[in-house]
Amino acid sequence: MADPSQPSSVSPLDPTANSPLSYSAVTDPRLSGQFGVASSFDEQLRMAMELSCREQEEMDRQQKEEEEELERILQLSLTEKLLQQSVKDQNIRSVSETQAGGGNRYS
């Protein structure tokens, strides 16, 4: 006959029924029953941390892509400015050579 002081779900033949919980029993996230809430919380926490890590990695990746794109844009802008300056310098040299070589055409 079952011991009336024990819950009906605990077998009277279960040697751990009256023993204190071991450290591993308290910390094992796969336990069920009264520890199911802790297990569920631990699992939710683990999943939240994984999601947070993935989101951080995605944000880092996007930031890196944006920085690389900005660097390309700045490089193109600098190249364009250098080309414009080079054309301007060529035009100035051309005008100077024309003035020095032929003088004023309209005189």
PDB file of N, CA and C in Angstrom:
ATOM      1  N   MET A   1       0.838  -1.172   0.000  1.00  0.00           N
ATOM      2  CA  MET A   1       0.000   0.000   0.000  1.00  0.00           C
ATOM      3  C   MET A   1       0.882   1.234   0.000  1.00  0.00           C
ATOM      4  N   ALA A   2       0.435   2.280  -0.679  1.00  0.00           N
ATOM      5  CA  ALA A   2       1.204   3.508  -0.817  1.00  0.00           C
ATOM      6  C   ALA A   2       1.189   4.305   0.470  1.00  0.00           C
ATOM      7  N   ASP A   3       2.267   5.014   0.708  1.00  0.00           N
ATOM      8  CA  ASP A   3       2.390   5.875   1.884  1.00  0.00           C
ATOM      9  C   ASP A   3       1.533   7.117   1.656  1.00  0.00           C
ATOM     10  N   PRO A   4       0.565   7.418   2.522  1.00  0.00           N
ATOM     11  CA  PRO A   4      -0.313   8.575   2.309  1.00  0.00           C
ATOM     12  C   PRO A   4       0.412   9.908   2.446  1.00  0.00           C
ATOM     13  N   SER A   5       1.586   9.941   3.044  1.00  0.00           N
ATOM     14  CA  SER A   5       2.322  11.205   3.186  1.00  0.00           C
ATOM     15  C   SER A   5       3.029  11.597   1.889  1.00  0.00           C
ATOM     16  N   GLN A   6       3.152  10.680   0.954  1.00  0.00           N
ATOM     17  CA  GLN A   6       3.805  10.971  -0.316  1.00  0.00           C
ATOM     18  C   GLN A   6       2.750  11.234  -1.377  1.00  0.00           C
ATOM     19  N   PRO A   7       3.072  12.101  -2.324  1.00  0.00           N
ATOM     20  CA  PRO A   7       2.127  12.338  -3.425  1.00  0.00           C
ATOM     21  C   PRO A   7       1.908  11.046  -4.206  1.00  0.00           C
ATOM     22  N   SER A   8       0.762  10.951  -4.842  1.00  0.00           N
ATOM     23  CA  SER A   8       0.416   9.726  -5.549  1.00  0.00           C
ATOM     24  C   SER A   8       1.329   9.465  -6.736  1.00  0.00           C
ATOM     25  N   SER A   9       1.987  10.512  -7.264  1.00  0.00           N
ATOM     26  CA  SER A   9       2.844  10.323  -8.422  1.00  0.00           C
ATOM     27  C   SER A   9       4.198   9.726  -8.055  1.00  0.00           C
ATOM     28  N   VAL A  10       4.541   9.680  -6.776  1.00  0.00           N
ATOM     29  CA  VAL A  10       5.833   9.145  -6.353  1.00  0.00           C
ATOM     30  C   VAL A  10       5.651   7.703  -5.927  1.00  0.00           C
ATOM     31  N   SER A  11       6.440   6.841  -6.485  1.00  0.00           N
ATOM     32  CA  SER A  11       6.367   5.425  -6.148  1.00  0.00           C
ATOM     33  C   SER A  11       7.006   5.202  -4.786  1.00  0.00           C
ATOM     34  N   PRO A  12       6.397   4.389  -3.941  1.00  0.00           N
ATOM     35  CA  PRO A  12       7.018   4.120  -2.634  1.00  0.00           C
ATOM     36  C   PRO A  12       8.312   3.338  -2.770  1.00  0.00           C
ATOM     37  N   LEU A  13       8.547   2.729  -3.928  1.00  0.00           N
ATOM     38  CA  LEU A  13       9.775   1.982  -4.124  1.00  0.00           C
ATOM     39  C   LEU A  13      10.900   2.855  -4.665  1.00  0.00           C
ATOM     40  N   ASP A  14      10.578   4.099  -4.976  1.00  0.00           N
ATOM     41  CA  ASP A  14      11.557   5.027  -5.539  1.00  0.00           C
ATOM     42  C   ASP A  14      12.528   5.453  -4.443  1.00  0.00           C
ATOM     43  N   PRO A  15      13.824   5.068  -4.542  1.00  0.00           N
ATOM     44  CA  PRO A  15      14.784   5.398  -3.487  1.00  0.00           C
ATOM     45  C   PRO A  15      15.046   6.895  -3.376  1.00  0.00           C
ATOM     46  N   THR A  16      14.781   7.664  -4.431  1.00  0.00           N
ATOM     47  CA  THR A  16      15.041   9.108  -4.368  1.00  0.00           C
ATOM     48  C   THR A  16      13.837   9.886  -3.878  1.00  0.00           C
ATOM     49  N   ALA A  17      12.743   9.209  -3.567  1.00  0.00           N
ATOM     50  CA  ALA A  17      11.518   9.895  -3.183  1.00  0.00           C
ATOM     51  C   ALA A  17      11.714  10.745  -1.935  1.00  0.00           C
ATOM     52  N   ASN A  18      12.490  10.284  -0.966  1.00  0.00           N
ATOM     53  CA  ASN A  18      12.699  11.033   0.266  1.00  0.00           C
ATOM     54  C   ASN A  18      14.095  11.624   0.367  1.00  0.00           C
ATOM     55  N   SER A  19      14.923  11.459  -0.663  1.00  0.00           N
ATOM     56  CA  SER A  19      16.287  11.985  -0.574  1.00  0.00           C
ATOM     57  C   SER A  19      16.315  13.432  -1.059  1.00  0.00           C
ATOM     58  N   PRO A  20      17.239  14.230  -0.521  1.00  0.00           N
ATOM     59  CA  PRO A  20      17.346  15.614  -0.994  1.00  0.00           C
ATOM     60  C   PRO A  20      17.817  15.627  -2.446  1.00  0.00           C
ATOM     61  N   LEU A  21      17.524  16.694  -3.130  1.00  0.00           N
ATOM     62  CA  LEU A  21      17.927  16.812  -4.525  1.00  0.00           C
ATOM     63  C   LEU A  21      19.434  16.967  -4.624  1.00  0.00           C
ATOM     64  N   SER A  22      20.012  16.302  -5.594  1.00  0.00           N
ATOM     65  CA  SER A  22      21.444  16.461  -5.816  1.00  0.00           C
ATOM     66  C   SER A  22      21.674  17.733  -6.622  1.00  0.00           C
ATOM     67  N   TYR A  23      22.904  18.189  -6.638  1.00  0.00           N
ATOM     68  CA  TYR A  23      23.256  19.404  -7.383  1.00  0.00           C
ATOM     69  C   TYR A  23      22.920  19.241  -8.853  1.00  0.00           C
ATOM     70  N   SER A  24      23.245  18.080  -9.421  1.00  0.00           N
ATOM     71  CA  SER A  24      22.986  17.881 -10.847  1.00  0.00           C
ATOM     72  C   SER A  24      21.492  17.853 -11.143  1.00  0.00           C
ATOM     73  N   ALA A  25      20.694  17.393 -10.214  1.00  0.00           N
ATOM     74  CA  ALA A  25      19.253  17.361 -10.437  1.00  0.00           C
ATOM     75  C   ALA A  25      18.683  18.775 -10.480  1.00  0.00           C
ATOM     76  N   VAL A  26      19.249  19.664  -9.702  1.00  0.00           N
ATOM     77  CA  VAL A  26      18.764  21.042  -9.666  1.00  0.00           C
ATOM     78  C   VAL A  26      19.210  21.789 -10.916  1.00  0.00           C
ATOM     79  N   THR A  27      20.405  21.507 -11.396  1.00  0.00           N
ATOM     80  CA  THR A  27      20.944  22.270 -12.521  1.00  0.00           C
ATOM     81  C   THR A  27      20.710  21.645 -13.875  1.00  0.00           C
ATOM     82  N   ASP A  28      20.233  20.407 -13.915  1.00  0.00           N
ATOM     83  CA  ASP A  28      20.012  19.740 -15.197  1.00  0.00           C
ATOM     84  C   ASP A  28      18.796  20.358 -15.888  1.00  0.00           C
ATOM     85  N   PRO A  29      18.988  21.031 -17.051  1.00  0.00           N
ATOM     86  CA  PRO A  29      17.871  21.707 -17.704  1.00  0.00           C
ATOM     87  C   PRO A  29      16.882  20.765 -18.374  1.00  0.00           C
ATOM     88  N   ARG A  30      17.159  19.462 -18.409  1.00  0.00           N
ATOM     89  CA  ARG A  30      16.246  18.533 -19.078  1.00  0.00           C
ATOM     90  C   ARG A  30      15.268  17.884 -18.111  1.00  0.00           C
ATOM     91  N   LEU A  31      15.238  18.332 -16.887  1.00  0.00           N
ATOM     92  CA  LEU A  31      14.323  17.743 -15.914  1.00  0.00           C
ATOM     93  C   LEU A  31      12.895  18.139 -16.233  1.00  0.00           C
ATOM     94  N   SER A  32      11.973  17.301 -15.815  1.00  0.00           N
ATOM     95  CA  SER A  32      10.565  17.612 -16.029  1.00  0.00           C
ATOM     96  C   SER A  32       9.904  17.821 -14.680  1.00  0.00           C
ATOM     97  N   GLY A  33       8.611  17.940 -14.702  1.00  0.00           N
ATOM     98  CA  GLY A  33       7.872  18.108 -13.457  1.00  0.00           C
ATOM     99  C   GLY A  33       8.045  19.505 -12.911  1.00  0.00           C
ATOM    100  N   GLN A  34       8.322  19.576 -11.601  1.00  0.00           N
ATOM    101  CA  GLN A  34       8.439  20.891 -10.979  1.00  0.00           C
ATOM    102  C   GLN A  34       9.604  21.687 -11.553  1.00  0.00           C
ATOM    103  N   PHE A  35      10.576  20.998 -12.144  1.00  0.00           N
ATOM    104  CA  PHE A  35      11.699  21.697 -12.758  1.00  0.00           C
ATOM    105  C   PHE A  35      11.438  22.000 -14.228  1.00  0.00           C
ATOM    106  N   GLY A  36      10.283  21.615 -14.730  1.00  0.00           N
ATOM    107  CA  GLY A  36       9.930  21.903 -16.113  1.00  0.00           C
ATOM    108  C   GLY A  36       9.883  23.396 -16.386  1.00  0.00           C
ATOM    109  N   VAL A  37       9.450  24.168 -15.408  1.00  0.00           N
ATOM    110  CA  VAL A  37       9.410  25.624 -15.566  1.00  0.00           C
ATOM    111  C   VAL A  37      10.831  26.155 -15.711  1.00  0.00           C
ATOM    112  N   ALA A  38      11.735  25.685 -14.862  1.00  0.00           N
ATOM    113  CA  ALA A  38      13.127  26.126 -14.953  1.00  0.00           C
ATOM    114  C   ALA A  38      13.715  25.695 -16.284  1.00  0.00           C
ATOM    115  N   SER A  39      13.404  24.473 -16.696  1.00  0.00           N
ATOM    116  CA  SER A  39      13.907  23.972 -17.964  1.00  0.00           C
ATOM    117  C   SER A  39      13.397  24.841 -19.103  1.00  0.00           C
ATOM    118  N   SER A  40      12.115  25.154 -19.067  1.00  0.00           N
ATOM    119  CA  SER A  40      11.524  25.998 -20.099  1.00  0.00           C
ATOM    120  C   SER A  40      12.179  27.375 -20.082  1.00  0.00           C
ATOM    121  N   PHE A  41      12.390  27.923 -18.901  1.00  0.00           N
ATOM    122  CA  PHE A  41      13.036  29.230 -18.790  1.00  0.00           C
ATOM    123  C   PHE A  41      14.461  29.171 -19.323  1.00  0.00           C
ATOM    124  N   ASP A  42      15.192  28.117 -18.943  1.00  0.00           N
ATOM    125  CA  ASP A  42      16.565  27.963 -19.424  1.00  0.00           C
ATOM    126  C   ASP A  42      16.607  27.864 -20.945  1.00  0.00           C
ATOM    127  N   GLU A  43      15.678  27.102 -21.501  1.00  0.00           N
ATOM    128  CA  GLU A  43      15.613  26.941 -22.957  1.00  0.00           C
ATOM    129  C   GLU A  43      15.261  28.265 -23.627  1.00  0.00           C
ATOM    130  N   GLN A  44      14.305  28.980 -23.051  1.00  0.00           N
ATOM    131  CA  GLN A  44      13.935  30.286 -23.608  1.00  0.00           C
ATOM    132  C   GLN A  44      15.099  31.261 -23.522  1.00  0.00           C
ATOM    133  N   LEU A  45      15.806  31.233 -22.409  1.00  0.00           N
ATOM    134  CA  LEU A  45      16.972  32.105 -22.241  1.00  0.00           C
ATOM    135  C   LEU A  45      18.050  31.760 -23.257  1.00  0.00           C
ATOM    136  N   ARG A  46      18.304  30.459 -23.441  1.00  0.00           N
ATOM    137  CA  ARG A  46      19.306  30.032 -24.417  1.00  0.00           C
ATOM    138  C   ARG A  46      18.904  30.481 -25.818  1.00  0.00           C
ATOM    139  N   MET A  47      17.629  30.299 -26.157  1.00  0.00           N
ATOM    140  CA  MET A  47      17.155  30.692 -27.481  1.00  0.00           C
ATOM    141  C   MET A  47      17.240  32.210 -27.664  1.00  0.00           C
ATOM    142  N   ALA A  48      16.901  32.952 -26.622  1.00  0.00           N
ATOM    143  CA  ALA A  48      16.979  34.412 -26.693  1.00  0.00           C
ATOM    144  C   ALA A  48      18.422  34.867 -26.885  1.00  0.00           C
ATOM    145  N   MET A  49      19.333  34.201 -26.197  1.00  0.00           N
ATOM    146  CA  MET A  49      20.753  34.556 -26.338  1.00  0.00           C
ATOM    147  C   MET A  49      21.256  34.233 -27.743  1.00  0.00           C
ATOM    148  N   GLU A  50      20.847  33.089 -28.272  1.00  0.00           N
ATOM    149  CA  GLU A  50      21.240  32.728 -29.644  1.00  0.00           C
ATOM    150  C   GLU A  50      20.692  33.737 -30.647  1.00  0.00           C
ATOM    151  N   LEU A  51      19.435  34.107 -30.473  1.00  0.00           N
ATOM    152  CA  LEU A  51      18.819  35.091 -31.363  1.00  0.00           C
ATOM    153  C   LEU A  51      19.541  36.424 -31.256  1.00  0.00           C
ATOM    154  N   SER A  52      19.858  36.820 -30.051  1.00  0.00           N
ATOM    155  CA  SER A  52      20.578  38.069 -29.841  1.00  0.00           C
ATOM    156  C   SER A  52      21.939  38.033 -30.526  1.00  0.00           C
ATOM    157  N   CYS A  53      22.633  36.909 -30.422  1.00  0.00           N
ATOM    158  CA  CYS A  53      23.937  36.765 -31.085  1.00  0.00           C
ATOM    159  C   CYS A  53      23.784  36.861 -32.602  1.00  0.00           C
ATOM    160  N   ARG A  54      22.757  36.179 -33.138  1.00  0.00           N
ATOM    161  CA  ARG A  54      22.524  36.233 -34.589  1.00  0.00           C
ATOM    162  C   ARG A  54      22.202  37.661 -35.039  1.00  0.00           C
ATOM    163  N   GLU A  55      21.364  38.348 -34.261  1.00  0.00           N
ATOM    164  CA  GLU A  55      21.012  39.728 -34.601  1.00  0.00           C
ATOM    165  C   GLU A  55      22.243  40.624 -34.558  1.00  0.00           C
ATOM    166  N   GLN A  56      23.098  40.425 -33.551  1.00  0.00           N
ATOM    167  CA  GLN A  56      24.322  41.225 -33.447  1.00  0.00           C
ATOM    168  C   GLN A  56      25.248  40.947 -34.621  1.00  0.00           C
ATOM    169  N   GLU A  57      25.379  39.673 -34.999  1.00  0.00           N
ATOM    170  CA  GLU A  57      26.206  39.324 -36.158  1.00  0.00           C
ATOM    171  C   GLU A  57      25.666  39.964 -37.423  1.00  0.00           C
ATOM    172  N   GLU A  58      24.343  39.965 -37.585  1.00  0.00           N
ATOM    173  CA  GLU A  58      23.720  40.580 -38.761  1.00  0.00           C
ATOM    174  C   GLU A  58      23.954  42.089 -38.770  1.00  0.00           C
ATOM    175  N   MET A  59      23.802  42.727 -37.609  1.00  0.00           N
ATOM    176  CA  MET A  59      24.056  44.170 -37.530  1.00  0.00           C
ATOM    177  C   MET A  59      25.521  44.484 -37.835  1.00  0.00           C
ATOM    178  N   ASP A  60      26.429  43.658 -37.328  1.00  0.00           N
ATOM    179  CA  ASP A  60      27.859  43.852 -37.606  1.00  0.00           C
ATOM    180  C   ASP A  60      28.144  43.693 -39.097  1.00  0.00           C
ATOM    181  N   ARG A  61      27.515  42.674 -39.714  1.00  0.00           N
ATOM    182  CA  ARG A  61      27.703  42.443 -41.144  1.00  0.00           C
ATOM    183  C   ARG A  61      27.187  43.625 -41.959  1.00  0.00           C
ATOM    184  N   GLN A  62      26.004  44.114 -41.602  1.00  0.00           N
ATOM    185  CA  GLN A  62      25.438  45.258 -42.316  1.00  0.00           C
ATOM    186  C   GLN A  62      26.308  46.502 -42.141  1.00  0.00           C
ATOM    187  N   GLN A  63      26.800  46.716 -40.923  1.00  0.00           N
ATOM    188  CA  GLN A  63      27.660  47.875 -40.677  1.00  0.00           C
ATOM    189  C   GLN A  63      28.935  47.778 -41.507  1.00  0.00           C
ATOM    190  N   LYS A  64      29.519  46.581 -41.574  1.00  0.00           N
ATOM    191  CA  LYS A  64      30.728  46.391 -42.371  1.00  0.00           C
ATOM    192  C   LYS A  64      30.453  46.670 -43.845  1.00  0.00           C
ATOM    193  N   GLU A  65      29.310  46.161 -44.354  1.00  0.00           N
ATOM    194  CA  GLU A  65      28.952  46.413 -45.757  1.00  0.00           C
ATOM    195  C   GLU A  65      28.763  47.904 -46.014  1.00  0.00           C
ATOM    196  N   GLU A  66      28.095  48.598 -45.087  1.00  0.00           N
ATOM    197  CA  GLU A  66      27.879  50.035 -45.246  1.00  0.00           C
ATOM    198  C   GLU A  66      29.203  50.794 -45.233  1.00  0.00           C
ATOM    199  N   GLU A  67      30.113  50.393 -44.339  1.00  0.00           N
ATOM    200  CA  GLU A  67      31.418  51.049 -44.282  1.00  0.00           C
ATOM    201  C   GLU A  67      32.211  50.809 -45.564  1.00  0.00           C
ATOM    202  N   GLU A  68      32.139  49.576 -46.094  1.00  0.00           N
ATOM    203  CA  GLU A  68      32.829  49.268 -47.341  1.00  0.00           C
ATOM    204  C   GLU A  68      32.246  50.073 -48.496  1.00  0.00           C
ATOM    205  N   GLU A  69      30.914  50.202 -48.530  1.00  0.00           N
ATOM    206  CA  GLU A  69      30.270  50.977 -49.586  1.00  0.00           C
ATOM    207  C   GLU A  69      30.655  52.453 -49.480  1.00  0.00           C
ATOM    208  N   LEU A  70      30.672  52.979 -48.272  1.00  0.00           N
ATOM    209  CA  LEU A  70      31.074  54.366 -48.065  1.00  0.00           C
ATOM    210  C   LEU A  70      32.520  54.575 -48.510  1.00  0.00           C
ATOM    211  N   GLU A  71      33.375  53.619 -48.191  1.00  0.00           N
ATOM    212  CA  GLU A  71      34.780  53.715 -48.610  1.00  0.00           C
ATOM    213  C   GLU A  71      34.888  53.722 -50.141  1.00  0.00           C
ATOM    214  N   ARG A  72      34.105  52.867 -50.819  1.00  0.00           N
ATOM    215  CA  ARG A  72      34.110  52.853 -52.294  1.00  0.00           C
ATOM    216  C   ARG A  72      33.624  54.190 -52.854  1.00  0.00           C
ATOM    217  N   ILE A  73      32.563  54.729 -52.260  1.00  0.00           N
ATOM    218  CA  ILE A  73      32.028  56.014 -52.721  1.00  0.00           C
ATOM    219  C   ILE A  73      33.053  57.120 -52.530  1.00  0.00           C
ATOM    220  N   LEU A  74      33.694  57.140 -51.388  1.00  0.00           N
ATOM    221  CA  LEU A  74      34.721  58.155 -51.139  1.00  0.00           C
ATOM    222  C   LEU A  74      35.884  58.007 -52.112  1.00  0.00           C
ATOM    223  N   GLN A  75      36.269  56.773 -52.387  1.00  0.00           N
ATOM    224  CA  GLN A  75      37.370  56.529 -53.328  1.00  0.00           C
ATOM    225  C   GLN A  75      36.979  57.007 -54.729  1.00  0.00           C
ATOM    226  N   LEU A  76      35.751  56.714 -55.154  1.00  0.00           N
ATOM    227  CA  LEU A  76      35.290  57.177 -56.465  1.00  0.00           C
ATOM    228  C   LEU A  76      35.240  58.701 -56.516  1.00  0.00           C
ATOM    229  N   SER A  77      34.773  59.303 -55.449  1.00  0.00           N
ATOM    230  CA  SER A  77      34.706  60.764 -55.393  1.00  0.00           C
ATOM    231  C   SER A  77      36.096  61.376 -55.484  1.00  0.00           C
ATOM    232  N   LEU A  78      37.024  60.811 -54.761  1.00  0.00           N
ATOM    233  CA  LEU A  78      38.399  61.305 -54.803  1.00  0.00           C
ATOM    234  C   LEU A  78      38.992  61.123 -56.195  1.00  0.00           C
ATOM    235  N   THR A  79      38.753  59.975 -56.798  1.00  0.00           N
ATOM    236  CA  THR A  79      39.249  59.719 -58.152  1.00  0.00           C
ATOM    237  C   THR A  79      38.658  60.726 -59.138  1.00  0.00           C
ATOM    238  N   GLU A  80      37.370  60.994 -59.007  1.00  0.00           N
ATOM    239  CA  GLU A  80      36.717  61.968 -59.895  1.00  0.00           C
ATOM    240  C   GLU A  80      37.308  63.359 -59.705  1.00  0.00           C
ATOM    241  N   LYS A  81      37.526  63.752 -58.477  1.00  0.00           N
ATOM    242  CA  LYS A  81      38.113  65.069 -58.212  1.00  0.00           C
ATOM    243  C   LYS A  81      39.530  65.158 -58.773  1.00  0.00           C
ATOM    244  N   LEU A  82      40.305  64.094 -58.634  1.00  0.00           N
ATOM    245  CA  LEU A  82      41.660  64.085 -59.179  1.00  0.00           C
ATOM    246  C   LEU A  82      41.632  64.186 -60.705  1.00  0.00           C
ATOM    247  N   LEU A  83      40.685  63.466 -61.343  1.00  0.00           N
ATOM    248  CA  LEU A  83      40.553  63.550 -62.797  1.00  0.00           C
ATOM    249  C   LEU A  83      40.148  64.951 -63.230  1.00  0.00           C
ATOM    250  N   GLN A  84      39.219  65.547 -62.522  1.00  0.00           N
ATOM    251  CA  GLN A  84      38.802  66.912 -62.851  1.00  0.00           C
ATOM    252  C   GLN A  84      39.969  67.879 -62.700  1.00  0.00           C
ATOM    253  N   GLN A  85      40.742  67.709 -61.645  1.00  0.00           N
ATOM    254  CA  GLN A  85      41.894  68.584 -61.428  1.00  0.00           C
ATOM    255  C   GLN A  85      42.931  68.371 -62.529  1.00  0.00           C
ATOM    256  N   SER A  86      43.119  67.117 -62.934  1.00  0.00           N
ATOM    257  CA  SER A  86      44.068  66.822 -64.002  1.00  0.00           C
ATOM    258  C   SER A  86      43.638  67.475 -65.310  1.00  0.00           C
ATOM    259  N   VAL A  87      42.351  67.392 -65.642  1.00  0.00           N
ATOM    260  CA  VAL A  87      41.829  68.025 -66.862  1.00  0.00           C
ATOM    261  C   VAL A  87      42.009  69.536 -66.761  1.00  0.00           C
ATOM    262  N   LYS A  88      41.708  70.095 -65.612  1.00  0.00           N
ATOM    263  CA  LYS A  88      41.854  71.536 -65.412  1.00  0.00           C
ATOM    264  C   LYS A  88      43.322  71.944 -65.594  1.00  0.00           C
ATOM    265  N   ASP A  89      44.230  71.154 -65.024  1.00  0.00           N
ATOM    266  CA  ASP A  89      45.666  71.457 -65.169  1.00  0.00           C
ATOM    267  C   ASP A  89      46.090  71.371 -66.628  1.00  0.00           C
ATOM    268  N   GLN A  90      45.583  70.388 -67.360  1.00  0.00           N
ATOM    269  CA  GLN A  90      45.914  70.259 -68.783  1.00  0.00           C
ATOM    270  C   GLN A  90      45.402  71.462 -69.567  1.00  0.00           C
ATOM    271  N   ASN A  91      44.200  71.903 -69.254  1.00  0.00           N
ATOM    272  CA  ASN A  91      43.634  73.069 -69.928  1.00  0.00           C
ATOM    273  C   ASN A  91      44.463  74.314 -69.642  1.00  0.00           C
ATOM    274  N   ILE A  92      44.891  74.472 -68.405  1.00  0.00           N
ATOM    275  CA  ILE A  92      45.717  75.624 -68.048  1.00  0.00           C
ATOM    276  C   ILE A  92      47.049  75.572 -68.798  1.00  0.00           C
ATOM    277  N   ARG A  93      47.674  74.383 -68.856  1.00  0.00           N
ATOM    278  CA  ARG A  93      48.943  74.252 -69.582  1.00  0.00           C
ATOM    279  C   ARG A  93      48.737  74.546 -71.065  1.00  0.00           C
ATOM    280  N   SER A  94      47.636  74.042 -71.605  1.00  0.00           N
ATOM    281  CA  SER A  94      47.351  74.248 -73.020  1.00  0.00           C
ATOM    282  C   SER A  94      47.181  75.736 -73.319  1.00  0.00           C
ATOM    283  N   VAL A  95      46.455  76.434 -72.477  1.00  0.00           N
ATOM    284  CA  VAL A  95      46.256  77.878 -72.660  1.00  0.00           C
ATOM    285  C   VAL A  95      47.586  78.602 -72.496  1.00  0.00           C
ATOM    286  N   SER A  96      48.375  78.199 -71.507  1.00  0.00           N
ATOM    287  CA  SER A  96      49.669  78.854 -71.278  1.00  0.00           C
ATOM    288  C   SER A  96      50.604  78.635 -72.457  1.00  0.00           C
ATOM    289  N   GLU A  97      50.631  77.413 -72.973  1.00  0.00           N
ATOM    290  CA  GLU A  97      51.496  77.120 -74.123  1.00  0.00           C
ATOM    291  C   GLU A  97      51.043  77.904 -75.347  1.00  0.00           C
ATOM    292  N   THR A  98      49.739  78.007 -75.545  1.00  0.00           N
ATOM    293  CA  THR A  98      49.205  78.755 -76.682  1.00  0.00           C
ATOM    294  C   THR A  98      49.577  80.224 -76.554  1.00  0.00           C
ATOM    295  N   GLN A  99      49.445  80.781 -75.371  1.00  0.00           N
ATOM    296  CA  GLN A  99      49.781  82.187 -75.162  1.00  0.00           C
ATOM    297  C   GLN A  99      51.282  82.418 -75.297  1.00  0.00           C
ATOM    298  N   ALA A 100      52.077  81.516 -74.809  1.00  0.00           N
ATOM    299  CA  ALA A 100      53.512  81.692 -74.871  1.00  0.00           C
ATOM    300  C   ALA A 100      54.054  81.480 -76.282  1.00  0.00           C
ATOM    301  N   GLY A 101      53.469  80.564 -76.993  1.00  0.00           N
ATOM    302  CA  GLY A 101      53.966  80.225 -78.336  1.00  0.00           C
ATOM    303  C   GLY A 101      53.476  81.175 -79.412  1.00  0.00           C
ATOM    304  N   GLY A 102      52.267  81.547 -79.411  1.00  0.00           N
ATOM    305  CA  GLY A 102      51.716  82.310 -80.513  1.00  0.00           C
ATOM    306  C   GLY A 102      51.317  83.708 -80.136  1.00  0.00           C
ATOM    307  N   GLY A 103      51.383  84.010 -78.880  1.00  0.00           N
ATOM    308  CA  GLY A 103      50.960  85.327 -78.472  1.00  0.00           C
ATOM    309  C   GLY A 103      49.469  85.453 -78.597  1.00  0.00           C
ATOM    310  N   ASN A 104      49.018  86.668 -78.871  1.00  0.00           N
ATOM    311  CA  ASN A 104      47.593  86.931 -78.979  1.00  0.00           C
ATOM    312  C   ASN A 104      47.179  86.804 -80.425  1.00  0.00           C
ATOM    313  N   ARG A 105      46.282  85.912 -80.722  1.00  0.00           N
ATOM    314  CA  ARG A 105      45.839  85.674 -82.093  1.00  0.00           C
ATOM    315  C   ARG A 105      45.069  86.848 -82.674  1.00  0.00           C
ATOM    316  N   TYR A 106      44.473  87.647 -81.840  1.00  0.00           N
ATOM    317  CA  TYR A 106      43.561  88.665 -82.335  1.00  0.00           C
ATOM    318  C   TYR A 106      44.262  90.004 -82.591  1.00  0.00           C
ATOM    319  N   SER A 107      45.551  90.074 -82.522  1.00  0.00           N
ATOM    320  CA  SER A 107      46.181  91.358 -82.744  1.00  0.00           C
ATOM    321  C   SER A 107      46.558  91.592 -84.172  1.00  0.00           C
TER     322      SER A 107
END
